[in-house]
C-alpha cells in the first residue's frame, strides 16, 4: 500500500473528509486529493501532524515493517469479500496476490486471504477454480510455517479439512496430530478420519472418550460456578445450578457419587451440618461402589477400567484430608456423626 492509499484508508476510518484534513494541516483540499491519488506527496514537515490526525504513527503510515496490523488486515479482508461475493473472483485473487507480494511474511494476511477466498471459490462457478484452490493451499502452507501459534495452528487445521475433502485421510490426520489438544476442537475431523481409515467402531470409541472427557470437565465447571453464585449472594441461582449438575450425572452416565457433590458443596458453604452429613455420607457411599460406565449408551464401547474402584477410594481419601485441614469444615469437625461417617469409610 503506497502513502496515498494509506492516507485515504486512515482518513476514511477516522471519518474525515479531504476538506477537513486540508483545514487541519493548512493546505488545500486538491492537495490532499493529489496525495491520495499518488500524484504528489505531503511535505515532510506535515507528516507528524498528519499521522496524529489520522490516529496512527509514521511507521504505520509508511509501512516501515513486514507485518500489517490486524485492523489493516481486517479492512483488506472486507475488500476481498466484497469483490468475491460480487462475482469478481479474479479481481479478488489478483488483489490478494498483490498484497501478499508486498507483505510476503505476514502470516495472518496469508491465512485470512486464504480463508476468505476459500469461501468465495466454494460459491463460484469459475473455470479457474482448481488453480485458485491450489493457490489457497500454497498460502495456507506458508501460513502454517509461521511462528505465531494461533495463525499456524488455524492454517494446519484448515489444510487438514481440505485434505479430508480430497479423501487424503492419512495426511490430514498427520496435520491434526500437530495441533495440541484444547487449542482447536479437532474431535469431529478426527472422528471422520477414523471412520474412513479404520472402522465405525474405532471412531465411536474415540468419540465416546471425548464425550466423557467433556462431560467430566463440564461437571467440574458447574461445581465451581455454583460455589461462586453462592459466594456472590445468589443462593437461588446456586440451587438451580446444583440441580442441573445433579441431573447431569445420570444424563451423561457419570460416576453416581458426583450427584451428591453439588448439594454437599452448598451445605458446606452454608454451614448446614445436617445437610452436609447427609450428602457426605451419600457421596462416600457411592464412591466406594464400582462404576460401570458401560451401562450408559454413551460409553458402551469403552474398555473396562480395572482400577475404577481405586479412583473412588482416592477421591474419598482426598475428601477426608480436606475435611481435616480446611477451615470450611471447622463448623463440622467436632461433630460425632462426622466421626462415625469417616470411620465407616476409612480404609
C-alpha atoms as a PDB file:
ATOM      1  CA  UNK A   1       0.000   0.000   0.000  1.00  0.00           C
ATOM      2  CA  UNK A   2       1.558   3.345  -1.043  1.00  0.00           C
ATOM      3  CA  UNK A   3       1.403   6.510   1.039  1.00  0.00           C
ATOM      4  CA  UNK A   4      -1.615   7.853  -0.866  1.00  0.00           C
ATOM      5  CA  UNK A   5      -3.651   4.705  -0.253  1.00  0.00           C
ATOM      6  CA  UNK A   6      -2.627   4.785   3.389  1.00  0.00           C
ATOM      7  CA  UNK A   7      -3.791   8.377   3.807  1.00  0.00           C
ATOM      8  CA  UNK A   8      -7.121   7.626   2.132  1.00  0.00           C
ATOM      9  CA  UNK A   9      -7.711   4.445   4.161  1.00  0.00           C
ATOM     10  CA  UNK A  10      -6.935   6.037   7.520  1.00  0.00           C
ATOM     11  CA  UNK A  11      -8.832   9.236   6.644  1.00  0.00           C
ATOM     12  CA  UNK A  12     -12.000   7.283   5.907  1.00  0.00           C
ATOM     13  CA  UNK A  13     -11.556   5.175   9.055  1.00  0.00           C
ATOM     14  CA  UNK A  14     -11.307   8.397  11.077  1.00  0.00           C
ATOM     15  CA  UNK A  15     -14.499   9.706   9.438  1.00  0.00           C
ATOM     16  CA  UNK A  16     -12.776  12.751   7.937  1.00  0.00           C
ATOM     17  CA  UNK A  17     -13.301  14.461   4.596  1.00  0.00           C
ATOM     18  CA  UNK A  18     -10.461  15.689   2.399  1.00  0.00           C
ATOM     19  CA  UNK A  19     -11.535  19.229   3.263  1.00  0.00           C
ATOM     20  CA  UNK A  20     -11.241  18.548   6.989  1.00  0.00           C
ATOM     21  CA  UNK A  21      -7.739  17.097   6.584  1.00  0.00           C
ATOM     22  CA  UNK A  22      -6.760  20.091   4.458  1.00  0.00           C
ATOM     23  CA  UNK A  23      -8.103  22.557   7.018  1.00  0.00           C
ATOM     24  CA  UNK A  24      -6.247  20.870   9.883  1.00  0.00           C
ATOM     25  CA  UNK A  25      -2.933  20.879   8.013  1.00  0.00           C
ATOM     26  CA  UNK A  26      -3.332  24.303   6.405  1.00  0.00           C
ATOM     27  CA  UNK A  27      -3.250  23.041   2.806  1.00  0.00           C
ATOM     28  CA  UNK A  28      -5.825  22.957   0.024  1.00  0.00           C
ATOM     29  CA  UNK A  29      -8.339  20.154  -0.477  1.00  0.00           C
ATOM     30  CA  UNK A  30      -6.981  19.495  -4.027  1.00  0.00           C
ATOM     31  CA  UNK A  31      -3.547  18.928  -2.455  1.00  0.00           C
ATOM     32  CA  UNK A  32      -4.980  16.203  -0.213  1.00  0.00           C
ATOM     33  CA  UNK A  33      -6.773  14.751  -3.229  1.00  0.00           C
ATOM     34  CA  UNK A  34      -3.468  14.544  -5.107  1.00  0.00           C
ATOM     35  CA  UNK A  35      -1.774  12.811  -2.162  1.00  0.00           C
ATOM     36  CA  UNK A  36      -4.458  10.162  -2.126  1.00  0.00           C
ATOM     37  CA  UNK A  37      -4.271   9.668  -5.897  1.00  0.00           C
ATOM     38  CA  UNK A  38      -0.498   9.252  -5.653  1.00  0.00           C
ATOM     39  CA  UNK A  39       0.311  12.151  -7.988  1.00  0.00           C
ATOM     40  CA  UNK A  40       2.090  14.042  -5.203  1.00  0.00           C
ATOM     41  CA  UNK A  41       3.206  13.546  -1.606  1.00  0.00           C
ATOM     42  CA  UNK A  42       2.748  15.672   1.503  1.00  0.00           C
ATOM     43  CA  UNK A  43       5.624  17.838   2.620  1.00  0.00           C
ATOM     44  CA  UNK A  44       7.815  16.056   5.167  1.00  0.00           C
ATOM     45  CA  UNK A  45       7.101  18.749   7.768  1.00  0.00           C
ATOM     46  CA  UNK A  46       3.387  17.857   7.646  1.00  0.00           C
ATOM     47  CA  UNK A  47       3.807  14.144   8.298  1.00  0.00           C
ATOM     48  CA  UNK A  48       3.822  14.126  12.139  1.00  0.00           C
ATOM     49  CA  UNK A  49       0.645  16.245  12.267  1.00  0.00           C
ATOM     50  CA  UNK A  50      -0.951  14.128   9.539  1.00  0.00           C
ATOM     51  CA  UNK A  51      -0.193  10.913  11.467  1.00  0.00           C
ATOM     52  CA  UNK A  52      -1.710  12.370  14.650  1.00  0.00           C
ATOM     53  CA  UNK A  53      -4.829  13.491  12.793  1.00  0.00           C
ATOM     54  CA  UNK A  54      -5.284  10.038  11.264  1.00  0.00           C
ATOM     55  CA  UNK A  55      -4.751   8.387  14.674  1.00  0.00           C
ATOM     56  CA  UNK A  56      -1.733   6.390  13.523  1.00  0.00           C
ATOM     57  CA  UNK A  57       2.049   6.814  13.526  1.00  0.00           C
ATOM     58  CA  UNK A  58       4.743   7.287  10.913  1.00  0.00           C
ATOM     59  CA  UNK A  59       5.720   3.620  10.968  1.00  0.00           C
ATOM     60  CA  UNK A  60       2.182   2.638  10.005  1.00  0.00           C
ATOM     61  CA  UNK A  61       1.837   5.463   7.504  1.00  0.00           C
ATOM     62  CA  UNK A  62       4.966   4.424   5.620  1.00  0.00           C
ATOM     63  CA  UNK A  63       4.670   0.644   6.241  1.00  0.00           C
ATOM     64  CA  UNK A  64       8.087   0.507   7.897  1.00  0.00           C
ATOM     65  CA  UNK A  65       7.526  -3.141   8.793  1.00  0.00           C
ATOM     66  CA  UNK A  66       6.855  -6.519   7.200  1.00  0.00           C
ATOM     67  CA  UNK A  67       3.650  -7.014   9.171  1.00  0.00           C
ATOM     68  CA  UNK A  68       0.268  -5.427   8.743  1.00  0.00           C
ATOM     69  CA  UNK A  69      -1.817  -4.590  11.787  1.00  0.00           C
ATOM     70  CA  UNK A  70      -4.947  -6.644  12.457  1.00  0.00           C
ATOM     71  CA  UNK A  71      -7.011  -3.544  11.679  1.00  0.00           C
ATOM     72  CA  UNK A  72      -5.352  -3.245   8.254  1.00  0.00           C
ATOM     73  CA  UNK A  73      -5.807  -6.937   7.542  1.00  0.00           C
ATOM     74  CA  UNK A  74      -9.487  -6.825   8.522  1.00  0.00           C
ATOM     75  CA  UNK A  75     -10.053  -3.808   6.288  1.00  0.00           C
ATOM     76  CA  UNK A  76      -8.333  -5.590   3.414  1.00  0.00           C
ATOM     77  CA  UNK A  77     -10.323  -8.779   4.003  1.00  0.00           C
ATOM     78  CA  UNK A  78     -13.534  -6.771   3.684  1.00  0.00           C
ATOM     79  CA  UNK A  79     -12.330  -5.580   0.282  1.00  0.00           C
ATOM     80  CA  UNK A  80     -11.651  -9.165  -0.813  1.00  0.00           C
ATOM     81  CA  UNK A  81     -15.040 -10.295   0.447  1.00  0.00           C
ATOM     82  CA  UNK A  82     -16.877  -7.522  -1.387  1.00  0.00           C
ATOM     83  CA  UNK A  83     -15.081  -8.293  -4.651  1.00  0.00           C
ATOM     84  CA  UNK A  84     -15.511 -12.056  -4.406  1.00  0.00           C
ATOM     85  CA  UNK A  85     -19.130 -12.098  -3.333  1.00  0.00           C
ATOM     86  CA  UNK A  86     -19.996  -9.590  -6.054  1.00  0.00           C
ATOM     87  CA  UNK A  87     -18.695 -12.026  -8.658  1.00  0.00           C
ATOM     88  CA  UNK A  88     -15.219 -10.598  -9.311  1.00  0.00           C
ATOM     89  CA  UNK A  89     -13.307 -13.701  -8.237  1.00  0.00           C
ATOM     90  CA  UNK A  90     -10.341 -12.935 -10.483  1.00  0.00           C
ATOM     91  CA  UNK A  91     -10.153  -9.405  -9.133  1.00  0.00           C
ATOM     92  CA  UNK A  92     -10.195 -10.693  -5.553  1.00  0.00           C
ATOM     93  CA  UNK A  93      -7.373 -13.146  -6.203  1.00  0.00           C
ATOM     94  CA  UNK A  94      -5.322 -10.544  -8.055  1.00  0.00           C
ATOM     95  CA  UNK A  95      -5.741  -8.095  -5.188  1.00  0.00           C
ATOM     96  CA  UNK A  96      -4.740 -10.758  -2.644  1.00  0.00           C
ATOM     97  CA  UNK A  97      -1.675 -11.765  -4.679  1.00  0.00           C
ATOM     98  CA  UNK A  98      -0.567  -8.151  -4.942  1.00  0.00           C
ATOM     99  CA  UNK A  99      -0.924  -7.573  -1.210  1.00  0.00           C
ATOM    100  CA  UNK A 100       0.873 -10.826  -0.355  1.00  0.00           C
ATOM    101  CA  UNK A 101       3.758  -9.896  -2.653  1.00  0.00           C
ATOM    102  CA  UNK A 102       4.027  -6.651  -0.694  1.00  0.00           C
ATOM    103  CA  UNK A 103       3.900  -8.421   2.703  1.00  0.00           C
ATOM    104  CA  UNK A 104       5.179 -11.956   1.964  1.00  0.00           C
ATOM    105  CA  UNK A 105       5.960 -12.770   5.596  1.00  0.00           C
ATOM    106  CA  UNK A 106       2.690 -11.604   7.109  1.00  0.00           C
ATOM    107  CA  UNK A 107       1.250 -14.997   8.042  1.00  0.00           C
ATOM    108  CA  UNK A 108      -2.034 -13.622   9.340  1.00  0.00           C
ATOM    109  CA  UNK A 109      -2.601 -11.953   5.967  1.00  0.00           C
ATOM    110  CA  UNK A 110      -1.880 -15.253   4.197  1.00  0.00           C
ATOM    111  CA  UNK A 111      -4.299 -17.141   6.422  1.00  0.00           C
ATOM    112  CA  UNK A 112      -7.091 -14.573   6.263  1.00  0.00           C
ATOM    113  CA  UNK A 113      -6.827 -14.199   2.491  1.00  0.00           C
ATOM    114  CA  UNK A 114      -6.910 -17.990   2.076  1.00  0.00           C
ATOM    115  CA  UNK A 115      -9.924 -18.310   4.390  1.00  0.00           C
ATOM    116  CA  UNK A 116     -11.972 -15.633   2.654  1.00  0.00           C
ATOM    117  CA  UNK A 117     -11.143 -16.748  -0.868  1.00  0.00           C
ATOM    118  CA  UNK A 118     -11.816 -20.373   0.009  1.00  0.00           C
ATOM    119  CA  UNK A 119     -15.405 -19.377   0.777  1.00  0.00           C
ATOM    120  CA  UNK A 120     -15.555 -17.299  -2.401  1.00  0.00           C
ATOM    121  CA  UNK A 121     -14.411 -20.229  -4.542  1.00  0.00           C
ATOM    122  CA  UNK A 122     -16.945 -22.514  -2.886  1.00  0.00           C
ATOM    123  CA  UNK A 123     -19.799 -20.398  -4.249  1.00  0.00           C
ATOM    124  CA  UNK A 124     -18.158 -19.694  -7.584  1.00  0.00           C
ATOM    125  CA  UNK A 125     -18.547 -21.423 -10.935  1.00  0.00           C
ATOM    126  CA  UNK A 126     -15.263 -20.053 -12.323  1.00  0.00           C
ATOM    127  CA  UNK A 127     -13.347 -22.258 -14.734  1.00  0.00           C
ATOM    128  CA  UNK A 128     -10.119 -21.429 -12.900  1.00  0.00           C
ATOM    129  CA  UNK A 129     -11.353 -22.749  -9.550  1.00  0.00           C
ATOM    130  CA  UNK A 130      -8.819 -25.603  -9.473  1.00  0.00           C
ATOM    131  CA  UNK A 131      -5.997 -23.136  -9.989  1.00  0.00           C
ATOM    132  CA  UNK A 132      -7.481 -20.950  -7.282  1.00  0.00           C
ATOM    133  CA  UNK A 133      -7.701 -23.916  -4.915  1.00  0.00           C
ATOM    134  CA  UNK A 134      -4.014 -24.661  -5.462  1.00  0.00           C
ATOM    135  CA  UNK A 135      -3.154 -21.044  -4.694  1.00  0.00           C
ATOM    136  CA  UNK A 136      -5.195 -21.146  -1.491  1.00  0.00           C
ATOM    137  CA  UNK A 137      -3.351 -24.299  -0.423  1.00  0.00           C
ATOM    138  CA  UNK A 138       0.025 -22.655  -1.081  1.00  0.00           C
ATOM    139  CA  UNK A 139      -0.953 -19.649   1.053  1.00  0.00           C
ATOM    140  CA  UNK A 140      -2.135 -21.905   3.868  1.00  0.00           C
ATOM    141  CA  UNK A 141       1.098 -23.900   3.758  1.00  0.00           C
ATOM    142  CA  UNK A 142       3.065 -20.672   4.097  1.00  0.00           C
ATOM    143  CA  UNK A 143       0.822 -19.516   6.951  1.00  0.00           C
ATOM    144  CA  UNK A 144       1.353 -22.878   8.673  1.00  0.00           C
ATOM    145  CA  UNK A 145       5.105 -22.275   8.692  1.00  0.00           C
ATOM    146  CA  UNK A 146       4.796 -19.098  10.766  1.00  0.00           C
ATOM    147  CA  UNK A 147       5.858 -18.592  14.362  1.00  0.00           C
ATOM    148  CA  UNK A 148       2.541 -17.310  15.722  1.00  0.00           C
ATOM    149  CA  UNK A 149       0.747 -20.323  17.189  1.00  0.00           C
ATOM    150  CA  UNK A 150      -2.789 -19.052  16.656  1.00  0.00           C
ATOM    151  CA  UNK A 151      -2.258 -18.499  12.931  1.00  0.00           C
ATOM    152  CA  UNK A 152      -0.068 -21.569  12.423  1.00  0.00           C
ATOM    153  CA  UNK A 153      -2.496 -23.968  14.108  1.00  0.00           C
ATOM    154  CA  UNK A 154      -5.517 -22.470  12.338  1.00  0.00           C
ATOM    155  CA  UNK A 155      -3.759 -22.894   8.994  1.00  0.00           C
ATOM    156  CA  UNK A 156      -2.871 -26.522   9.829  1.00  0.00           C
ATOM    157  CA  UNK A 157      -6.497 -27.207  10.746  1.00  0.00           C
ATOM    158  CA  UNK A 158      -7.782 -25.681   7.525  1.00  0.00           C
ATOM    159  CA  UNK A 159      -5.245 -27.641   5.465  1.00  0.00           C
ATOM    160  CA  UNK A 160      -6.369 -30.842   7.197  1.00  0.00           C
ATOM    161  CA  UNK A 161     -10.014 -30.151   6.320  1.00  0.00           C
ATOM    162  CA  UNK A 162      -9.070 -29.550   2.704  1.00  0.00           C
ATOM    163  CA  UNK A 163      -7.162 -32.843   2.609  1.00  0.00           C
ATOM    164  CA  UNK A 164     -10.201 -34.630   4.023  1.00  0.00           C
ATOM    165  CA  UNK A 165     -12.299 -33.269   1.170  1.00  0.00           C
ATOM    166  CA  UNK A 166      -9.817 -34.960  -1.177  1.00  0.00           C
ATOM    167  CA  UNK A 167     -10.018 -38.166   0.904  1.00  0.00           C
ATOM    168  CA  UNK A 168      -6.327 -37.853   1.825  1.00  0.00           C
ATOM    169  CA  UNK A 169      -7.109 -39.023   5.347  1.00  0.00           C
ATOM    170  CA  UNK A 170      -3.633 -40.145   6.390  1.00  0.00           C
ATOM    171  CA  UNK A 171      -2.124 -36.764   5.514  1.00  0.00           C
ATOM    172  CA  UNK A 172      -4.999 -34.959   7.215  1.00  0.00           C
ATOM    173  CA  UNK A 173      -4.511 -36.992  10.391  1.00  0.00           C
ATOM    174  CA  UNK A 174      -0.791 -36.161  10.399  1.00  0.00           C
ATOM    175  CA  UNK A 175      -1.601 -32.439  10.268  1.00  0.00           C
ATOM    176  CA  UNK A 176      -4.214 -32.679  13.032  1.00  0.00           C
ATOM    177  CA  UNK A 177      -1.676 -34.524  15.189  1.00  0.00           C
ATOM    178  CA  UNK A 178       0.468 -31.373  15.127  1.00  0.00           C
ATOM    179  CA  UNK A 179      -2.314 -29.405  16.832  1.00  0.00           C
ATOM    180  CA  UNK A 180      -2.217 -29.704  20.659  1.00  0.00           C
ATOM    181  CA  UNK A 181      -5.432 -30.849  22.311  1.00  0.00           C
ATOM    182  CA  UNK A 182      -7.526 -27.936  23.500  1.00  0.00           C
ATOM    183  CA  UNK A 183      -6.111 -25.319  21.138  1.00  0.00           C
ATOM    184  CA  UNK A 184      -8.598 -26.131  18.370  1.00  0.00           C
ATOM    185  CA  UNK A 185     -11.515 -28.551  18.554  1.00  0.00           C
ATOM    186  CA  UNK A 186     -10.401 -31.331  16.228  1.00  0.00           C
ATOM    187  CA  UNK A 187     -12.687 -34.062  17.599  1.00  0.00           C
ATOM    188  CA  UNK A 188     -15.162 -34.219  14.716  1.00  0.00           C
ATOM    189  CA  UNK A 189     -12.497 -34.240  11.956  1.00  0.00           C
ATOM    190  CA  UNK A 190     -10.609 -36.984  13.810  1.00  0.00           C
ATOM    191  CA  UNK A 191     -13.833 -38.969  14.201  1.00  0.00           C
ATOM    192  CA  UNK A 192     -14.460 -38.706  10.460  1.00  0.00           C
ATOM    193  CA  UNK A 193     -10.882 -39.744   9.667  1.00  0.00           C
ATOM    194  CA  UNK A 194     -11.032 -42.790  11.961  1.00  0.00           C
ATOM    195  CA  UNK A 195     -14.375 -43.738  10.469  1.00  0.00           C
ATOM    196  CA  UNK A 196     -12.905 -43.704   6.953  1.00  0.00           C
ATOM    197  CA  UNK A 197      -9.399 -45.020   7.651  1.00  0.00           C
ATOM    198  CA  UNK A 198     -10.293 -47.729  10.159  1.00  0.00           C
ATOM    199  CA  UNK A 199     -13.911 -48.540  11.021  1.00  0.00           C
ATOM    200  CA  UNK A 200     -17.025 -47.067  12.568  1.00  0.00           C
ATOM    201  CA  UNK A 201     -16.498 -48.797  15.921  1.00  0.00           C
ATOM    202  CA  UNK A 202     -12.999 -47.343  16.320  1.00  0.00           C
ATOM    203  CA  UNK A 203     -14.383 -43.895  15.542  1.00  0.00           C
ATOM    204  CA  UNK A 204     -17.190 -44.416  18.071  1.00  0.00           C
ATOM    205  CA  UNK A 205     -14.755 -45.482  20.830  1.00  0.00           C
ATOM    206  CA  UNK A 206     -12.694 -42.353  20.197  1.00  0.00           C
ATOM    207  CA  UNK A 207     -15.787 -40.128  20.290  1.00  0.00           C
ATOM    208  CA  UNK A 208     -17.108 -41.786  23.455  1.00  0.00           C
ATOM    209  CA  UNK A 209     -13.838 -40.952  25.190  1.00  0.00           C
ATOM    210  CA  UNK A 210     -14.081 -37.325  24.121  1.00  0.00           C
ATOM    211  CA  UNK A 211     -17.702 -37.106  25.318  1.00  0.00           C
ATOM    212  CA  UNK A 212     -16.704 -38.491  28.719  1.00  0.00           C
ATOM    213  CA  UNK A 213     -13.809 -36.054  28.933  1.00  0.00           C
ATOM    214  CA  UNK A 214     -16.030 -33.085  28.013  1.00  0.00           C
ATOM    215  CA  UNK A 215     -18.815 -34.122  30.421  1.00  0.00           C
ATOM    216  CA  UNK A 216     -16.375 -34.527  33.317  1.00  0.00           C
ATOM    217  CA  UNK A 217     -14.847 -31.126  32.580  1.00  0.00           C
ATOM    218  CA  UNK A 218     -18.297 -29.519  32.422  1.00  0.00           C
ATOM    219  CA  UNK A 219     -19.183 -31.125  35.763  1.00  0.00           C
ATOM    220  CA  UNK A 220     -16.116 -29.516  37.388  1.00  0.00           C
ATOM    221  CA  UNK A 221     -17.023 -26.135  35.868  1.00  0.00           C
ATOM    222  CA  UNK A 222     -20.549 -26.377  37.270  1.00  0.00           C
ATOM    223  CA  UNK A 223     -19.269 -27.247  40.751  1.00  0.00           C
ATOM    224  CA  UNK A 224     -17.172 -24.095  40.732  1.00  0.00           C
ATOM    225  CA  UNK A 225     -19.957 -21.958  39.261  1.00  0.00           C
ATOM    226  CA  UNK A 226     -22.469 -22.875  41.942  1.00  0.00           C
ATOM    227  CA  UNK A 227     -19.880 -22.030  44.628  1.00  0.00           C
ATOM    228  CA  UNK A 228     -19.304 -18.628  43.026  1.00  0.00           C
ATOM    229  CA  UNK A 229     -23.040 -17.924  42.834  1.00  0.00           C
ATOM    230  CA  UNK A 230     -23.388 -18.803  46.491  1.00  0.00           C
ATOM    231  CA  UNK A 231     -20.419 -16.625  47.458  1.00  0.00           C
ATOM    232  CA  UNK A 232     -21.744 -13.642  45.495  1.00  0.00           C
ATOM    233  CA  UNK A 233     -25.131 -13.701  47.193  1.00  0.00           C
ATOM    234  CA  UNK A 234     -27.206 -15.649  44.653  1.00  0.00           C
ATOM    235  CA  UNK A 235     -28.392 -18.715  46.618  1.00  0.00           C
ATOM    236  CA  UNK A 236     -31.433 -19.333  44.424  1.00  0.00           C
ATOM    237  CA  UNK A 237     -29.259 -19.428  41.326  1.00  0.00           C
ATOM    238  CA  UNK A 238     -26.783 -21.696  43.124  1.00  0.00           C
ATOM    239  CA  UNK A 239     -29.616 -24.100  43.978  1.00  0.00           C
ATOM    240  CA  UNK A 240     -30.727 -24.279  40.348  1.00  0.00           C
ATOM    241  CA  UNK A 241     -27.170 -24.913  39.157  1.00  0.00           C
ATOM    242  CA  UNK A 242     -26.805 -27.628  41.795  1.00  0.00           C
ATOM    243  CA  UNK A 243     -29.958 -29.289  40.471  1.00  0.00           C
ATOM    244  CA  UNK A 244     -28.689 -29.109  36.877  1.00  0.00           C
ATOM    245  CA  UNK A 245     -25.342 -30.586  37.953  1.00  0.00           C
ATOM    246  CA  UNK A 246     -27.074 -33.379  39.862  1.00  0.00           C
ATOM    247  CA  UNK A 247     -29.269 -34.260  36.877  1.00  0.00           C
ATOM    248  CA  UNK A 248     -26.230 -34.249  34.629  1.00  0.00           C
ATOM    249  CA  UNK A 249     -24.825 -37.364  36.334  1.00  0.00           C
ATOM    250  CA  UNK A 250     -27.429 -39.895  35.105  1.00  0.00           C
ATOM    251  CA  UNK A 251     -27.930 -37.996  31.857  1.00  0.00           C
ATOM    252  CA  UNK A 252     -24.259 -38.327  30.883  1.00  0.00           C
ATOM    253  CA  UNK A 253     -23.610 -41.632  32.652  1.00  0.00           C
ATOM    254  CA  UNK A 254     -21.097 -40.163  35.110  1.00  0.00           C
ATOM    255  CA  UNK A 255     -19.955 -41.741  38.366  1.00  0.00           C
ATOM    256  CA  UNK A 256     -23.012 -41.651  40.689  1.00  0.00           C
ATOM    257  CA  UNK A 257     -21.139 -40.078  43.632  1.00  0.00           C
ATOM    258  CA  UNK A 258     -20.995 -36.873  41.578  1.00  0.00           C
ATOM    259  CA  UNK A 259     -24.747 -36.395  42.049  1.00  0.00           C
ATOM    260  CA  UNK A 260     -24.242 -35.791  45.773  1.00  0.00           C
ATOM    261  CA  UNK A 261     -21.375 -33.330  45.394  1.00  0.00           C
ATOM    262  CA  UNK A 262     -23.376 -30.193  44.382  1.00  0.00           C
ATOM    263  CA  UNK A 263     -25.617 -30.320  47.462  1.00  0.00           C
ATOM    264  CA  UNK A 264     -22.584 -31.156  49.615  1.00  0.00           C
ATOM    265  CA  UNK A 265     -20.777 -28.052  48.356  1.00  0.00           C
ATOM    266  CA  UNK A 266     -23.791 -25.877  49.109  1.00  0.00           C
ATOM    267  CA  UNK A 267     -24.231 -27.385  52.576  1.00  0.00           C
ATOM    268  CA  UNK A 268     -20.575 -26.758  53.426  1.00  0.00           C
ATOM    269  CA  UNK A 269     -20.795 -23.156  52.204  1.00  0.00           C
ATOM    270  CA  UNK A 270     -23.976 -22.591  54.228  1.00  0.00           C
ATOM    271  CA  UNK A 271     -22.574 -24.391  57.300  1.00  0.00           C
ATOM    272  CA  UNK A 272     -25.636 -26.630  57.369  1.00  0.00           C
ATOM    273  CA  UNK A 273     -24.358 -29.574  59.423  1.00  0.00           C
ATOM    274  CA  UNK A 274     -27.346 -31.875  58.881  1.00  0.00           C
ATOM    275  CA  UNK A 275     -27.367 -31.459  55.084  1.00  0.00           C
ATOM    276  CA  UNK A 276     -23.591 -31.660  54.957  1.00  0.00           C
ATOM    277  CA  UNK A 277     -23.547 -35.002  56.797  1.00  0.00           C
ATOM    278  CA  UNK A 278     -26.379 -36.338  54.647  1.00  0.00           C
ATOM    279  CA  UNK A 279     -24.684 -35.638  51.331  1.00  0.00           C
ATOM    280  CA  UNK A 280     -21.239 -36.521  52.628  1.00  0.00           C
ATOM    281  CA  UNK A 281     -22.473 -39.974  53.584  1.00  0.00           C
ATOM    282  CA  UNK A 282     -24.200 -40.380  50.219  1.00  0.00           C
ATOM    283  CA  UNK A 283     -21.147 -39.272  48.228  1.00  0.00           C
ATOM    284  CA  UNK A 284     -18.762 -41.535  50.135  1.00  0.00           C
ATOM    285  CA  UNK A 285     -21.136 -44.491  49.844  1.00  0.00           C
ATOM    286  CA  UNK A 286     -21.366 -44.121  46.058  1.00  0.00           C
ATOM    287  CA  UNK A 287     -17.616 -43.558  45.716  1.00  0.00           C
ATOM    288  CA  UNK A 288     -16.951 -46.983  47.287  1.00  0.00           C
ATOM    289  CA  UNK A 289     -19.014 -48.756  44.630  1.00  0.00           C
ATOM    290  CA  UNK A 290     -17.584 -49.794  41.256  1.00  0.00           C
ATOM    291  CA  UNK A 291     -18.587 -47.537  38.405  1.00  0.00           C
ATOM    292  CA  UNK A 292     -19.886 -49.438  35.400  1.00  0.00           C
ATOM    293  CA  UNK A 293     -19.756 -46.774  32.716  1.00  0.00           C
ATOM    294  CA  UNK A 294     -20.731 -49.313  30.045  1.00  0.00           C
ATOM    295  CA  UNK A 295     -24.306 -49.164  31.319  1.00  0.00           C
ATOM    296  CA  UNK A 296     -24.613 -45.809  29.594  1.00  0.00           C
ATOM    297  CA  UNK A 297     -25.190 -45.880  25.817  1.00  0.00           C
ATOM    298  CA  UNK A 298     -22.684 -43.031  25.641  1.00  0.00           C
ATOM    299  CA  UNK A 299     -19.789 -45.289  26.692  1.00  0.00           C
ATOM    300  CA  UNK A 300     -20.931 -48.807  25.807  1.00  0.00           C
ATOM    301  CA  UNK A 301     -17.819 -49.427  23.669  1.00  0.00           C
ATOM    302  CA  UNK A 302     -15.352 -48.095  26.238  1.00  0.00           C
ATOM    303  CA  UNK A 303     -12.891 -50.670  27.601  1.00  0.00           C
ATOM    304  CA  UNK A 304     -13.282 -51.805  31.198  1.00  0.00           C
ATOM    305  CA  UNK A 305     -11.458 -49.698  33.772  1.00  0.00           C
ATOM    306  CA  UNK A 306      -9.868 -52.207  36.172  1.00  0.00           C
ATOM    307  CA  UNK A 307      -8.928 -49.598  38.782  1.00  0.00           C
ATOM    308  CA  UNK A 308     -12.232 -47.699  38.770  1.00  0.00           C
ATOM    309  CA  UNK A 309     -12.875 -48.536  42.426  1.00  0.00           C
ATOM    310  CA  UNK A 310      -9.422 -47.267  43.383  1.00  0.00           C
ATOM    311  CA  UNK A 311     -10.302 -43.914  41.813  1.00  0.00           C
ATOM    312  CA  UNK A 312     -13.254 -43.708  44.214  1.00  0.00           C
ATOM    313  CA  UNK A 313     -11.048 -44.545  47.163  1.00  0.00           C
ATOM    314  CA  UNK A 314      -8.563 -41.849  46.173  1.00  0.00           C
ATOM    315  CA  UNK A 315     -11.375 -39.322  45.972  1.00  0.00           C
ATOM    316  CA  UNK A 316     -12.541 -40.362  49.438  1.00  0.00           C
ATOM    317  CA  UNK A 317      -9.039 -40.007  50.890  1.00  0.00           C
ATOM    318  CA  UNK A 318      -8.686 -36.557  49.326  1.00  0.00           C
ATOM    319  CA  UNK A 319     -12.041 -35.526  50.813  1.00  0.00           C
ATOM    320  CA  UNK A 320     -11.025 -36.786  54.273  1.00  0.00           C
ATOM    321  CA  UNK A 321      -7.792 -34.761  54.048  1.00  0.00           C
ATOM    322  CA  UNK A 322      -9.742 -31.658  53.094  1.00  0.00           C
ATOM    323  CA  UNK A 323     -12.193 -32.104  55.966  1.00  0.00           C
ATOM    324  CA  UNK A 324      -9.331 -32.420  58.433  1.00  0.00           C
ATOM    325  CA  UNK A 325      -7.378 -29.397  57.196  1.00  0.00           C
ATOM    326  CA  UNK A 326      -9.748 -26.889  55.561  1.00  0.00           C
ATOM    327  CA  UNK A 327     -11.248 -24.007  57.531  1.00  0.00           C
ATOM    328  CA  UNK A 328     -14.503 -24.562  55.605  1.00  0.00           C
ATOM    329  CA  UNK A 329     -15.151 -27.661  57.731  1.00  0.00           C
ATOM    330  CA  UNK A 330     -14.354 -26.083  61.109  1.00  0.00           C
ATOM    331  CA  UNK A 331     -18.070 -25.947  61.952  1.00  0.00           C
ATOM    332  CA  UNK A 332     -18.344 -29.714  61.466  1.00  0.00           C
ATOM    333  CA  UNK A 333     -15.043 -31.088  62.648  1.00  0.00           C
ATOM    334  CA  UNK A 334     -16.104 -31.953  66.230  1.00  0.00           C
ATOM    335  CA  UNK A 335     -19.406 -33.450  65.128  1.00  0.00           C
ATOM    336  CA  UNK A 336     -19.806 -37.026  66.432  1.00  0.00           C
ATOM    337  CA  UNK A 337     -21.796 -38.056  63.348  1.00  0.00           C
ATOM    338  CA  UNK A 338     -18.940 -36.915  61.130  1.00  0.00           C
ATOM    339  CA  UNK A 339     -16.513 -39.062  63.100  1.00  0.00           C
ATOM    340  CA  UNK A 340     -18.735 -42.117  62.601  1.00  0.00           C
ATOM    341  CA  UNK A 341     -19.031 -41.466  58.853  1.00  0.00           C
ATOM    342  CA  UNK A 342     -15.281 -41.142  58.470  1.00  0.00           C
ATOM    343  CA  UNK A 343     -14.683 -44.332  60.455  1.00  0.00           C
ATOM    344  CA  UNK A 344     -17.196 -46.159  58.265  1.00  0.00           C
ATOM    345  CA  UNK A 345     -15.495 -45.266  55.012  1.00  0.00           C
ATOM    346  CA  UNK A 346     -11.863 -45.097  56.128  1.00  0.00           C
ATOM    347  CA  UNK A 347      -9.678 -47.923  54.859  1.00  0.00           C
END
